[in-house]
C-alpha atoms as a PDB file:
ATOM      1  CA  MET A   1      28.061  60.589  43.380  1.00  0.00           C
ATOM      2  CA  ASN A   2      27.501  57.395  41.428  1.00  0.00           C
ATOM      3  CA  ALA A   3      27.113  53.628  42.739  1.00  0.00           C
ATOM      4  CA  THR A   4      30.631  52.134  43.855  1.00  0.00           C
ATOM      5  CA  MET A   5      31.726  49.507  41.237  1.00  0.00           C
ATOM      6  CA  VAL A   6      32.779  45.306  42.198  1.00  0.00           C
ATOM      7  CA  THR A   7      36.817  46.071  41.878  1.00  0.00           C
ATOM      8  CA  ASP A   8      39.163  48.473  40.829  1.00  0.00           C
ATOM      9  CA  THR A   9      39.388  46.387  37.794  1.00  0.00           C
ATOM     10  CA  ALA A  10      36.078  46.354  37.532  1.00  0.00           C
ATOM     11  CA  LYS A  11      34.414  49.094  34.335  1.00  0.00           C
ATOM     12  CA  HIS A  12      31.647  51.742  36.099  1.00  0.00           C
ATOM     13  CA  TYR A  13      28.304  50.040  37.220  1.00  0.00           C
ATOM     14  CA  PRO A  14      25.424  51.978  37.397  1.00  0.00           C
ATOM     15  CA  VAL A  15      23.493  51.003  39.875  1.00  0.00           C
ATOM     16  CA  LEU A  16      19.480  50.134  38.642  1.00  0.00           C
ATOM     17  CA  LEU A  17      20.410  51.013  35.212  1.00  0.00           C
ATOM     18  CA  ASN A  18      18.030  48.776  33.360  1.00  0.00           C
ATOM     19  CA  GLU A  19      14.863  49.475  36.206  1.00  0.00           C
ATOM     20  CA  LEU A  20      15.894  53.480  35.510  1.00  0.00           C
ATOM     21  CA  ILE A  21      15.841  53.749  32.082  1.00  0.00           C
ATOM     22  CA  SER A  22      12.186  51.465  31.926  1.00  0.00           C
ATOM     23  CA  ILE A  23      11.099  54.299  34.287  1.00  0.00           C
ATOM     24  CA  ILE A  24      12.492  57.436  32.607  1.00  0.00           C
ATOM     25  CA  THR A  25      12.228  55.677  28.607  1.00  0.00           C
ATOM     26  CA  PRO A  26      14.896  57.817  27.144  1.00  0.00           C
ATOM     27  CA  GLN A  27      14.008  55.890  23.598  1.00  0.00           C
ATOM     28  CA  HIS A  28      11.265  57.979  22.945  1.00  0.00           C
ATOM     29  CA  GLY A  29      13.502  61.639  23.119  1.00  0.00           C
ATOM     30  CA  GLY A  30      13.440  64.430  25.331  1.00  0.00           C
ATOM     31  CA  THR A  31      15.418  66.730  28.034  1.00  0.00           C
ATOM     32  CA  PHE A  32      16.820  64.803  30.763  1.00  0.00           C
ATOM     33  CA  ILE A  33      18.730  66.003  34.423  1.00  0.00           C
ATOM     34  CA  ASP A  34      21.371  63.960  35.655  1.00  0.00           C
ATOM     35  CA  CYS A  35      21.372  65.261  39.082  1.00  0.00           C
ATOM     36  CA  THR A  36      24.805  63.505  39.834  1.00  0.00           C
ATOM     37  CA  PHE A  37      26.746  62.685  37.440  1.00  0.00           C
ATOM     38  CA  GLY A  38      29.416  60.574  38.717  1.00  0.00           C
ATOM     39  CA  GLN A  39      31.289  58.622  36.555  1.00  0.00           C
ATOM     40  CA  GLY A  40      28.693  59.275  34.157  1.00  0.00           C
ATOM     41  CA  GLY A  41      27.272  55.817  34.193  1.00  0.00           C
ATOM     42  CA  PHE A  42      23.527  57.120  33.159  1.00  0.00           C
ATOM     43  CA  THR A  43      24.090  60.156  31.189  1.00  0.00           C
ATOM     44  CA  GLU A  44      25.965  57.949  28.439  1.00  0.00           C
ATOM     45  CA  LYS A  45      23.391  55.377  28.985  1.00  0.00           C
ATOM     46  CA  ILE A  46      20.374  57.970  28.487  1.00  0.00           C
ATOM     47  CA  LEU A  47      22.145  59.513  25.666  1.00  0.00           C
ATOM     48  CA  SER A  48      23.438  56.461  23.632  1.00  0.00           C
ATOM     49  CA  TYR A  49      19.186  56.770  22.609  1.00  0.00           C
ATOM     50  CA  GLU A  50      18.634  59.077  19.397  1.00  0.00           C
ATOM     51  CA  ASN A  51      16.487  62.417  20.304  1.00  0.00           C
ATOM     52  CA  THR A  52      18.209  62.959  23.600  1.00  0.00           C
ATOM     53  CA  GLN A  53      19.629  65.487  25.443  1.00  0.00           C
ATOM     54  CA  VAL A  54      21.178  65.169  28.881  1.00  0.00           C
ATOM     55  CA  ILE A  55      21.875  68.486  31.295  1.00  0.00           C
ATOM     56  CA  ALA A  56      24.195  67.063  34.129  1.00  0.00           C
ATOM     57  CA  PHE A  57      25.293  68.098  37.467  1.00  0.00           C
ATOM     58  CA  ASP A  58      28.083  66.995  39.738  1.00  0.00           C
ATOM     59  CA  ARG A  59      29.994  68.990  42.661  1.00  0.00           C
ATOM     60  CA  ASP A  60      33.008  67.681  42.561  1.00  0.00           C
ATOM     61  CA  LEU A  61      35.555  69.048  40.097  1.00  0.00           C
ATOM     62  CA  GLN A  62      37.258  66.141  39.354  1.00  0.00           C
ATOM     63  CA  THR A  63      34.001  64.707  37.311  1.00  0.00           C
ATOM     64  CA  LYS A  64      34.622  67.200  34.678  1.00  0.00           C
ATOM     65  CA  LYS A  65      37.233  64.991  32.549  1.00  0.00           C
ATOM     66  CA  ILE A  66      34.423  62.328  32.213  1.00  0.00           C
ATOM     67  CA  ALA A  67      32.091  65.295  31.691  1.00  0.00           C
ATOM     68  CA  ASP A  68      34.092  66.728  28.702  1.00  0.00           C
ATOM     69  CA  LYS A  69      34.896  63.207  27.372  1.00  0.00           C
ATOM     70  CA  ILE A  70      30.952  62.817  27.027  1.00  0.00           C
ATOM     71  CA  PHE A  71      30.939  66.347  25.801  1.00  0.00           C
ATOM     72  CA  ARG A  72      33.097  65.606  23.006  1.00  0.00           C
ATOM     73  CA  ASN A  73      31.038  62.488  22.074  1.00  0.00           C
ATOM     74  CA  TYR A  74      27.428  64.404  22.052  1.00  0.00           C
ATOM     75  CA  GLN A  75      28.344  67.583  21.539  1.00  0.00           C
ATOM     76  CA  GLY A  76      25.316  69.812  20.986  1.00  0.00           C
ATOM     77  CA  ARG A  77      23.051  67.430  22.984  1.00  0.00           C
ATOM     78  CA  PHE A  78      25.258  67.058  26.807  1.00  0.00           C
ATOM     79  CA  LEU A  79      25.302  70.242  28.794  1.00  0.00           C
ATOM     80  CA  PHE A  80      27.447  69.656  32.164  1.00  0.00           C
ATOM     81  CA  LYS A  81      27.457  72.330  35.733  1.00  0.00           C
ATOM     82  CA  ASN A  82      30.762  72.140  38.284  1.00  0.00           C
ATOM     83  CA  LYS A  83      27.578  72.740  40.966  1.00  0.00           C
ATOM     84  CA  LYS A  84      25.694  71.482  43.359  1.00  0.00           C
ATOM     85  CA  PHE A  85      22.262  70.133  42.380  1.00  0.00           C
ATOM     86  CA  SER A  86      20.644  72.010  44.800  1.00  0.00           C
ATOM     87  CA  GLN A  87      21.542  74.864  42.459  1.00  0.00           C
ATOM     88  CA  LEU A  88      18.847  73.028  39.513  1.00  0.00           C
ATOM     89  CA  ASN A  89      16.657  75.432  39.710  1.00  0.00           C
ATOM     90  CA  GLU A  90      19.451  78.417  38.440  1.00  0.00           C
ATOM     91  CA  LEU A  91      19.703  77.094  35.037  1.00  0.00           C
ATOM     92  CA  LYS A  92      17.566  78.518  32.510  1.00  0.00           C
ATOM     93  CA  ILE A  93      15.226  75.625  31.680  1.00  0.00           C
ATOM     94  CA  LYS A  94      11.991  77.178  33.356  1.00  0.00           C
ATOM     95  CA  ASN A  95      10.223  76.622  29.809  1.00  0.00           C
ATOM     96  CA  GLU A  96      12.159  73.597  28.627  1.00  0.00           C
ATOM     97  CA  LYS A  97      10.766  70.003  28.603  1.00  0.00           C
ATOM     98  CA  ILE A  98      12.150  68.675  31.097  1.00  0.00           C
ATOM     99  CA  LYS A  99      11.437  64.766  30.598  1.00  0.00           C
ATOM    100  CA  SER A 100      13.140  63.175  33.788  1.00  0.00           C
ATOM    101  CA  ILE A 101      15.158  64.241  36.084  1.00  0.00           C
ATOM    102  CA  ILE A 102      17.738  61.899  38.307  1.00  0.00           C
ATOM    103  CA  PHE A 103      18.942  61.273  41.416  1.00  0.00           C
ATOM    104  CA  ASP A 104      21.951  58.622  42.087  1.00  0.00           C
ATOM    105  CA  LEU A 105      23.039  59.175  45.759  1.00  0.00           C
ATOM    106  CA  GLY A 106      25.824  56.799  46.497  1.00  0.00           C
ATOM    107  CA  TYR A 107      29.721  57.048  45.706  1.00  0.00           C
ATOM    108  CA  SER A 108      31.979  55.240  42.769  1.00  0.00           C
ATOM    109  CA  LEU A 109      34.899  53.601  43.777  1.00  0.00           C
ATOM    110  CA  ASN A 110      37.213  56.792  42.323  1.00  0.00           C
ATOM    111  CA  GLN A 111      35.694  58.383  45.511  1.00  0.00           C
ATOM    112  CA  ILE A 112      35.860  56.271  48.251  1.00  0.00           C
ATOM    113  CA  LYS A 113      39.558  54.981  47.017  1.00  0.00           C
ATOM    114  CA  ASP A 114      40.434  58.368  46.593  1.00  0.00           C
ATOM    115  CA  PRO A 115      43.391  59.141  49.259  1.00  0.00           C
ATOM    116  CA  LYS A 116      42.899  63.095  49.231  1.00  0.00           C
ATOM    117  CA  LYS A 117      38.773  62.947  49.581  1.00  0.00           C
ATOM    118  CA  GLY A 118      39.415  60.215  53.496  1.00  0.00           C
ATOM    119  CA  LEU A 119      35.873  59.154  52.784  1.00  0.00           C
ATOM    120  CA  SER A 120      36.995  55.572  53.492  1.00  0.00           C
ATOM    121  CA  PHE A 121      38.041  54.258  56.964  1.00  0.00           C
ATOM    122  CA  ASN A 122      41.058  52.310  55.777  1.00  0.00           C
ATOM    123  CA  SER A 123      42.439  55.936  54.375  1.00  0.00           C
ATOM    124  CA  THR A 124      45.821  57.555  55.665  1.00  0.00           C
ATOM    125  CA  GLY A 125      46.299  61.160  56.607  1.00  0.00           C
ATOM    126  CA  GLU A 126      44.345  64.326  57.079  1.00  0.00           C
ATOM    127  CA  LEU A 127      40.590  64.011  57.882  1.00  0.00           C
ATOM    128  CA  ASN A 128      38.423  65.433  54.842  1.00  0.00           C
ATOM    129  CA  MET A 129      35.614  64.115  53.388  1.00  0.00           C
ATOM    130  CA  GLN A 130      34.758  67.124  51.277  1.00  0.00           C
ATOM    131  CA  MET A 131      33.050  66.445  47.630  1.00  0.00           C
ATOM    132  CA  GLY A 132      33.711  69.608  46.559  1.00  0.00           C
ATOM    133  CA  LEU A 133      32.018  73.356  47.172  1.00  0.00           C
ATOM    134  CA  ASN A 134      32.707  72.737  50.578  1.00  0.00           C
ATOM    135  CA  ASN A 135      33.631  75.206  53.423  1.00  0.00           C
ATOM    136  CA  PHE A 136      35.353  73.184  55.681  1.00  0.00           C
ATOM    137  CA  SER A 137      36.799  69.400  56.155  1.00  0.00           C
ATOM    138  CA  ALA A 138      35.823  66.395  58.751  1.00  0.00           C
ATOM    139  CA  LYS A 139      39.349  67.547  60.493  1.00  0.00           C
ATOM    140  CA  ASP A 140      37.366  71.091  61.426  1.00  0.00           C
ATOM    141  CA  VAL A 141      34.726  69.290  62.577  1.00  0.00           C
ATOM    142  CA  ILE A 142      36.987  66.630  65.383  1.00  0.00           C
ATOM    143  CA  ASN A 143      38.936  69.176  66.242  1.00  0.00           C
ATOM    144  CA  LYS A 144      36.544  71.921  66.655  1.00  0.00           C
ATOM    145  CA  LEU A 145      33.431  71.092  67.782  1.00  0.00           C
ATOM    146  CA  ASP A 146      32.365  69.798  71.291  1.00  0.00           C
ATOM    147  CA  ALA A 147      31.198  66.642  72.342  1.00  0.00           C
ATOM    148  CA  LYS A 148      27.739  67.331  73.063  1.00  0.00           C
ATOM    149  CA  GLU A 149      27.580  68.408  69.409  1.00  0.00           C
ATOM    150  CA  LEU A 150      29.726  65.800  67.907  1.00  0.00           C
ATOM    151  CA  GLU A 151      27.162  63.254  70.087  1.00  0.00           C
ATOM    152  CA  LYS A 152      24.219  64.888  67.848  1.00  0.00           C
ATOM    153  CA  ILE A 153      26.674  64.056  64.222  1.00  0.00           C
ATOM    154  CA  PHE A 154      26.922  60.913  65.441  1.00  0.00           C
ATOM    155  CA  LYS A 155      23.741  59.990  66.748  1.00  0.00           C
ATOM    156  CA  PHE A 156      21.238  61.191  64.100  1.00  0.00           C
ATOM    157  CA  PHE A 157      23.497  61.493  61.321  1.00  0.00           C
ATOM    158  CA  GLY A 158      24.997  58.002  61.771  1.00  0.00           C
ATOM    159  CA  ASP A 159      22.291  56.182  63.937  1.00  0.00           C
ATOM    160  CA  GLU A 160      25.179  55.260  65.979  1.00  0.00           C
ATOM    161  CA  LYS A 161      24.681  54.139  69.316  1.00  0.00           C
ATOM    162  CA  GLU A 162      28.134  54.590  71.326  1.00  0.00           C
ATOM    163  CA  ALA A 163      27.398  58.217  69.822  1.00  0.00           C
ATOM    164  CA  LYS A 164      28.263  59.809  73.025  1.00  0.00           C
ATOM    165  CA  LYS A 165      31.654  57.592  74.362  1.00  0.00           C
ATOM    166  CA  ILE A 166      32.984  58.181  70.894  1.00  0.00           C
ATOM    167  CA  ALA A 167      32.525  62.266  70.991  1.00  0.00           C
ATOM    168  CA  ILE A 168      33.568  62.013  74.781  1.00  0.00           C
ATOM    169  CA  LYS A 169      37.143  60.041  73.355  1.00  0.00           C
ATOM    170  CA  ILE A 170      37.531  62.806  70.847  1.00  0.00           C
ATOM    171  CA  ILE A 171      37.265  65.462  73.387  1.00  0.00           C
ATOM    172  CA  ARG A 172      40.293  63.737  75.427  1.00  0.00           C
ATOM    173  CA  GLU A 173      42.140  62.727  72.097  1.00  0.00           C
ATOM    174  CA  ARG A 174      42.708  65.412  70.804  1.00  0.00           C
ATOM    175  CA  LYS A 175      43.794  67.653  73.714  1.00  0.00           C
ATOM    176  CA  LYS A 176      47.003  65.438  73.527  1.00  0.00           C
ATOM    177  CA  ARG A 177      47.551  64.855  70.049  1.00  0.00           C
ATOM    178  CA  LYS A 178      46.499  65.480  66.456  1.00  0.00           C
ATOM    179  CA  ILE A 179      43.213  63.533  64.820  1.00  0.00           C
ATOM    180  CA  ASP A 180      43.682  62.036  61.420  1.00  0.00           C
ATOM    181  CA  THR A 181      41.859  59.241  60.023  1.00  0.00           C
ATOM    182  CA  LYS A 182      44.190  55.836  61.582  1.00  0.00           C
ATOM    183  CA  VAL A 183      43.792  57.868  65.223  1.00  0.00           C
ATOM    184  CA  LEU A 184      39.792  58.742  64.282  1.00  0.00           C
ATOM    185  CA  VAL A 185      39.092  54.662  63.541  1.00  0.00           C
ATOM    186  CA  ASP A 186      41.569  53.463  66.459  1.00  0.00           C
ATOM    187  CA  ILE A 187      39.351  55.800  68.735  1.00  0.00           C
ATOM    188  CA  ILE A 188      35.905  53.768  67.320  1.00  0.00           C
ATOM    189  CA  GLU A 189      37.488  50.906  67.272  1.00  0.00           C
ATOM    190  CA  ARG A 190      38.605  50.791  71.149  1.00  0.00           C
ATOM    191  CA  THR A 191      35.170  52.167  72.136  1.00  0.00           C
ATOM    192  CA  LYS A 192      33.211  49.691  70.422  1.00  0.00           C
ATOM    193  CA  LYS A 193      32.169  46.013  70.752  1.00  0.00           C
ATOM    194  CA  LYS A 194      33.508  44.329  67.051  1.00  0.00           C
ATOM    195  CA  ASN A 195      30.825  43.737  64.800  1.00  0.00           C
ATOM    196  CA  PHE A 196      32.055  41.135  61.831  1.00  0.00           C
ATOM    197  CA  LYS A 197      29.430  41.947  59.310  1.00  0.00           C
ATOM    198  CA  THR A 198      30.640  45.887  59.212  1.00  0.00           C
ATOM    199  CA  HIS A 199      33.260  48.163  59.951  1.00  0.00           C
ATOM    200  CA  SER A 200      33.654  50.027  63.289  1.00  0.00           C
ATOM    201  CA  ALA A 201      33.465  53.055  62.125  1.00  0.00           C
ATOM    202  CA  THR A 202      31.277  52.628  59.291  1.00  0.00           C
ATOM    203  CA  LYS A 203      28.434  55.084  61.294  1.00  0.00           C
ATOM    204  CA  VAL A 204      30.559  57.181  62.013  1.00  0.00           C
ATOM    205  CA  PHE A 205      32.130  58.296  58.854  1.00  0.00           C
ATOM    206  CA  GLN A 206      28.664  57.924  57.253  1.00  0.00           C
ATOM    207  CA  ALA A 207      27.401  60.996  60.294  1.00  0.00           C
ATOM    208  CA  LEU A 208      30.876  63.074  59.006  1.00  0.00           C
ATOM    209  CA  ARG A 209      30.455  62.879  55.209  1.00  0.00           C
ATOM    210  CA  ILE A 210      27.180  63.920  55.692  1.00  0.00           C
ATOM    211  CA  PHE A 211      27.978  66.943  57.647  1.00  0.00           C
ATOM    212  CA  VAL A 212      30.683  68.325  55.466  1.00  0.00           C
ATOM    213  CA  ASN A 213      29.069  68.129  52.736  1.00  0.00           C
ATOM    214  CA  LYS A 214      25.185  69.285  54.073  1.00  0.00           C
ATOM    215  CA  GLU A 215      23.820  66.136  52.024  1.00  0.00           C
ATOM    216  CA  ILE A 216      20.383  66.322  54.497  1.00  0.00           C
ATOM    217  CA  SER A 217      19.627  70.456  53.407  1.00  0.00           C
ATOM    218  CA  GLU A 218      21.246  69.470  49.853  1.00  0.00           C
ATOM    219  CA  LEU A 219      18.706  66.150  49.287  1.00  0.00           C
ATOM    220  CA  ILE A 220      15.567  68.487  50.658  1.00  0.00           C
ATOM    221  CA  ASN A 221      16.445  71.330  48.072  1.00  0.00           C
ATOM    222  CA  GLY A 222      17.440  69.538  45.355  1.00  0.00           C
ATOM    223  CA  LEU A 223      14.462  67.333  45.524  1.00  0.00           C
ATOM    224  CA  VAL A 224      12.251  70.803  45.728  1.00  0.00           C
ATOM    225  CA  ASN A 225      14.062  72.214  42.755  1.00  0.00           C
ATOM    226  CA  ALA A 226      13.870  69.509  40.748  1.00  0.00           C
ATOM    227  CA  THR A 227      10.300  68.895  41.479  1.00  0.00           C
ATOM    228  CA  LYS A 228       9.868  72.574  40.606  1.00  0.00           C
ATOM    229  CA  VAL A 229      11.433  72.820  37.030  1.00  0.00           C
ATOM    230  CA  LEU A 230      10.040  69.143  36.470  1.00  0.00           C
ATOM    231  CA  LYS A 231       6.978  69.352  33.719  1.00  0.00           C
ATOM    232  CA  LYS A 232       3.383  67.263  33.670  1.00  0.00           C
ATOM    233  CA  ASP A 233       3.763  63.867  33.468  1.00  0.00           C
ATOM    234  CA  GLY A 234       7.883  64.490  33.687  1.00  0.00           C
ATOM    235  CA  VAL A 235       9.580  61.453  36.496  1.00  0.00           C
ATOM    236  CA  LEU A 236      11.634  62.115  39.343  1.00  0.00           C
ATOM    237  CA  ALA A 237      13.438  59.489  39.842  1.00  0.00           C
ATOM    238  CA  VAL A 238      16.166  58.909  43.116  1.00  0.00           C
ATOM    239  CA  ILE A 239      18.896  55.813  44.180  1.00  0.00           C
ATOM    240  CA  THR A 240      19.002  55.889  47.591  1.00  0.00           C
ATOM    241  CA  PHE A 241      21.834  53.921  49.384  1.00  0.00           C
ATOM    242  CA  HIS A 242      21.380  54.677  53.600  1.00  0.00           C
ATOM    243  CA  SER A 243      17.704  54.957  55.137  1.00  0.00           C
ATOM    244  CA  LEU A 244      18.457  58.787  56.408  1.00  0.00           C
ATOM    245  CA  GLU A 245      18.372  59.310  52.730  1.00  0.00           C
ATOM    246  CA  ASP A 246      15.708  57.100  51.794  1.00  0.00           C
ATOM    247  CA  LYS A 247      13.067  58.134  54.914  1.00  0.00           C
ATOM    248  CA  ILE A 248      13.281  61.724  53.337  1.00  0.00           C
ATOM    249  CA  VAL A 249      12.709  61.072  49.677  1.00  0.00           C
ATOM    250  CA  LYS A 250       9.240  58.821  50.802  1.00  0.00           C
ATOM    251  CA  TYR A 251       8.352  61.526  52.372  1.00  0.00           C
ATOM    252  CA  PHE A 252       8.446  64.440  50.294  1.00  0.00           C
ATOM    253  CA  PHE A 253       7.028  61.193  47.098  1.00  0.00           C
ATOM    254  CA  LYS A 254       4.060  60.321  49.722  1.00  0.00           C
ATOM    255  CA  SER A 255       3.156  63.933  51.275  1.00  0.00           C
ATOM    256  CA  LEU A 256       2.558  65.638  47.856  1.00  0.00           C
ATOM    257  CA  SER A 257       0.874  62.661  46.146  1.00  0.00           C
ATOM    258  CA  GLU A 258      -1.490  62.254  48.956  1.00  0.00           C
ATOM    259  CA  ASN A 259      -1.635  66.218  50.430  1.00  0.00           C
ATOM    260  CA  LYS A 260      -3.506  68.737  48.459  1.00  0.00           C
ATOM    261  CA  SER A 261      -0.674  70.941  46.841  1.00  0.00           C
ATOM    262  CA  VAL A 262      -0.602  74.460  46.754  1.00  0.00           C
ATOM    263  CA  SER A 263       0.658  77.080  44.370  1.00  0.00           C
ATOM    264  CA  ARG A 264       1.460  80.601  45.595  1.00  0.00           C
ATOM    265  CA  TYR A 265       0.154  81.571  42.523  1.00  0.00           C
ATOM    266  CA  PHE A 266      -2.255  79.849  40.448  1.00  0.00           C
ATOM    267  CA  PRO A 267      -6.102  80.633  41.841  1.00  0.00           C
ATOM    268  CA  LYS A 268      -7.698  77.273  43.561  1.00  0.00           C
ATOM    269  CA  THR A 269      -9.957  76.365  40.890  1.00  0.00           C
ATOM    270  CA  ASP A 270      -6.662  75.578  38.896  1.00  0.00           C
ATOM    271  CA  GLN A 271      -5.490  73.692  41.626  1.00  0.00           C
ATOM    272  CA  SER A 272      -4.645  69.264  41.431  1.00  0.00           C
ATOM    273  CA  GLU A 273      -5.181  67.204  43.480  1.00  0.00           C
ATOM    274  CA  THR A 274      -2.027  66.074  44.582  1.00  0.00           C
ATOM    275  CA  LEU A 275       1.121  66.856  42.410  1.00  0.00           C
ATOM    276  CA  LEU A 276       2.525  64.043  42.651  1.00  0.00           C
ATOM    277  CA  LYS A 277       1.542  60.378  41.496  1.00  0.00           C
ATOM    278  CA  LEU A 278       3.076  57.024  43.051  1.00  0.00           C
ATOM    279  CA  THR A 279       2.793  54.249  40.529  1.00  0.00           C
ATOM    280  CA  GLU A 280       4.493  52.138  42.957  1.00  0.00           C
ATOM    281  CA  LYS A 281       4.766  52.739  47.035  1.00  0.00           C
ATOM    282  CA  LYS A 282       7.243  49.857  47.587  1.00  0.00           C
ATOM    283  CA  PRO A 283      11.089  50.829  46.138  1.00  0.00           C
ATOM    284  CA  ILE A 284      12.390  49.248  43.778  1.00  0.00           C
ATOM    285  CA  ILE A 285      15.859  46.965  44.986  1.00  0.00           C
ATOM    286  CA  PRO A 286      18.184  45.878  42.804  1.00  0.00           C
ATOM    287  CA  SER A 287      17.668  41.725  41.374  1.00  0.00           C
ATOM    288  CA  ASN A 288      19.337  38.848  42.633  1.00  0.00           C
ATOM    289  CA  LYS A 289      21.300  39.222  39.660  1.00  0.00           C
ATOM    290  CA  GLU A 290      22.691  42.553  39.826  1.00  0.00           C
ATOM    291  CA  LEU A 291      23.501  41.707  43.536  1.00  0.00           C
ATOM    292  CA  GLU A 292      25.521  38.631  42.445  1.00  0.00           C
ATOM    293  CA  GLU A 293      27.697  41.466  39.580  1.00  0.00           C
ATOM    294  CA  ASN A 294      28.213  43.839  42.098  1.00  0.00           C
ATOM    295  CA  LEU A 295      27.550  43.124  45.614  1.00  0.00           C
ATOM    296  CA  SER A 296      27.393  47.402  46.247  1.00  0.00           C
ATOM    297  CA  SER A 297      24.049  47.526  45.355  1.00  0.00           C
ATOM    298  CA  ARG A 298      22.924  45.835  48.048  1.00  0.00           C
ATOM    299  CA  SER A 299      21.076  49.100  50.423  1.00  0.00           C
ATOM    300  CA  ALA A 300      20.182  50.523  46.923  1.00  0.00           C
ATOM    301  CA  LYS A 301      16.582  51.562  46.403  1.00  0.00           C
ATOM    302  CA  LEU A 302      14.911  53.528  43.717  1.00  0.00           C
ATOM    303  CA  ARG A 303      11.778  55.384  44.317  1.00  0.00           C
ATOM    304  CA  TYR A 304       9.310  57.366  41.658  1.00  0.00           C
ATOM    305  CA  ALA A 305       6.940  59.843  41.072  1.00  0.00           C
ATOM    306  CA  ILE A 306       5.820  61.596  37.984  1.00  0.00           C
ATOM    307  CA  LYS A 307       4.432  65.073  38.288  1.00  0.00           C
ATOM    308  CA  LYS A 308       0.903  65.407  37.660  1.00  0.00           C
ATOM    309  CA  SER A 309       0.297  69.344  37.237  1.00  0.00           C
ATOM    310  CA  ASP A 310       2.353  72.157  35.392  1.00  0.00           C
ATOM    311  CA  PHE A 311       2.919  74.611  37.982  1.00  0.00           C
ATOM    312  CA  TYR A 312       6.223  75.669  38.951  1.00  0.00           C
ATOM    313  CA  ASN A 313       5.642  76.798  43.031  1.00  0.00           C
ATOM    314  CA  PHE A 314       4.260  74.543  45.644  1.00  0.00           C
ATOM    315  CA  GLU A 315       4.499  74.522  49.466  1.00  0.00           C
ATOM    316  CA  THR A 316       5.449  71.259  50.846  1.00  0.00           C
ATOM    317  CA  ASP A 317       5.857  70.762  54.604  1.00  0.00           C
ATOM    318  CA  ILE A 318       9.317  69.066  54.070  1.00  0.00           C
ATOM    319  CA  PHE A 319      11.622  71.586  56.081  1.00  0.00           C
ATOM    320  CA  GLU A 320      10.052  71.327  58.738  1.00  0.00           C
ATOM    321  CA  LYS A 321       9.428  67.593  58.840  1.00  0.00           C
ATOM    322  CA  PHE A 322      13.713  67.041  59.272  1.00  0.00           C
ATOM    323  CA  GLU A 323      14.174  70.462  60.822  1.00  0.00           C
ATOM    324  CA  HIS A 324      15.874  68.740  63.549  1.00  0.00           C
ATOM    325  CA  LEU A 325      18.478  67.565  60.769  1.00  0.00           C
ATOM    326  CA  ILE A 326      19.172  70.753  59.218  1.00  0.00           C
ATOM    327  CA  GLU A 327      19.491  72.516  62.800  1.00  0.00           C
ATOM    328  CA  ILE A 328      22.420  69.564  63.323  1.00  0.00           C
ATOM    329  CA  GLU A 329      23.895  70.614  60.011  1.00  0.00           C
ATOM    330  CA  ASN A 330      23.514  74.252  60.957  1.00  0.00           C
ATOM    331  CA  LEU A 331      25.988  73.199  63.218  1.00  0.00           C
ATOM    332  CA  ASP A 332      29.031  74.152  60.859  1.00  0.00           C
ATOM    333  CA  GLN A 333      28.653  78.119  61.691  1.00  0.00           C
ATOM    334  CA  LYS A 334      30.879  77.456  64.545  1.00  0.00           C
ATOM    335  CA  LEU A 335      33.709  76.040  62.352  1.00  0.00           C
END
């Protein structure tokens, strides 16, 4: 799940690469976890420095071909897991000295252009949006959930102002014919006023993608489990591409850097004041040079935090804070 490239022929362009490298300092060696391997841009850059090891995750089955190539080039220093990053705590790495864990929550152009995935509103054919290791598709969502449920998904995951109207029209339309990508785009375009800056279907497609891939609970569990396995002075770095992701990351970092952290297993005398340290409160954004070279990086924000203490289990209210979003994700139980 790495950020998009400029053109079909352009080389893969990991967003905010230089900024990230300056934060995680692989030139000094160490073990790194790349939670969103994608096209392997960050992983390859880290491995280009001596004395580094990378453990990489990606739920997309197609990324294994790229991972196999990197494995051949860096044998003994690279491990790839075709798993969701929320499962990273299942690795037997509790005692490993993990120097940094990185998340790049964007999508590669390869994924967006893949007609089978159906992530783009320019796609034709069936609605899908499955990134891998899924239990249902966008087709199931659009054809099985009721109007109120669809409205919630579009409103809270896509910030779509016309969520109710679009949901009602989908219910009417699906009684007459099968709703594929083209039909859904047509419904949205007939419902909304034309916006020349962004495509009318952008927000609905974002909402469906988040729902199908359970991206809210994935991110929250990923952040919690990454913080568990990270060692003292280790860096947790996250690149987000839309406001909902950024809101979750910002809250998680802020709450654990301002509120006293509580471990379930250590006596209170062993507690640090806070679990994380923020050296920069504002996110790092792409430079003008990067924006010129890769326009798709314009919405990218990089936030990072440093772990101050070595304890594994800790308490956080992140699940309660975003409970309303997790409840919407749980509508998938109706599918």
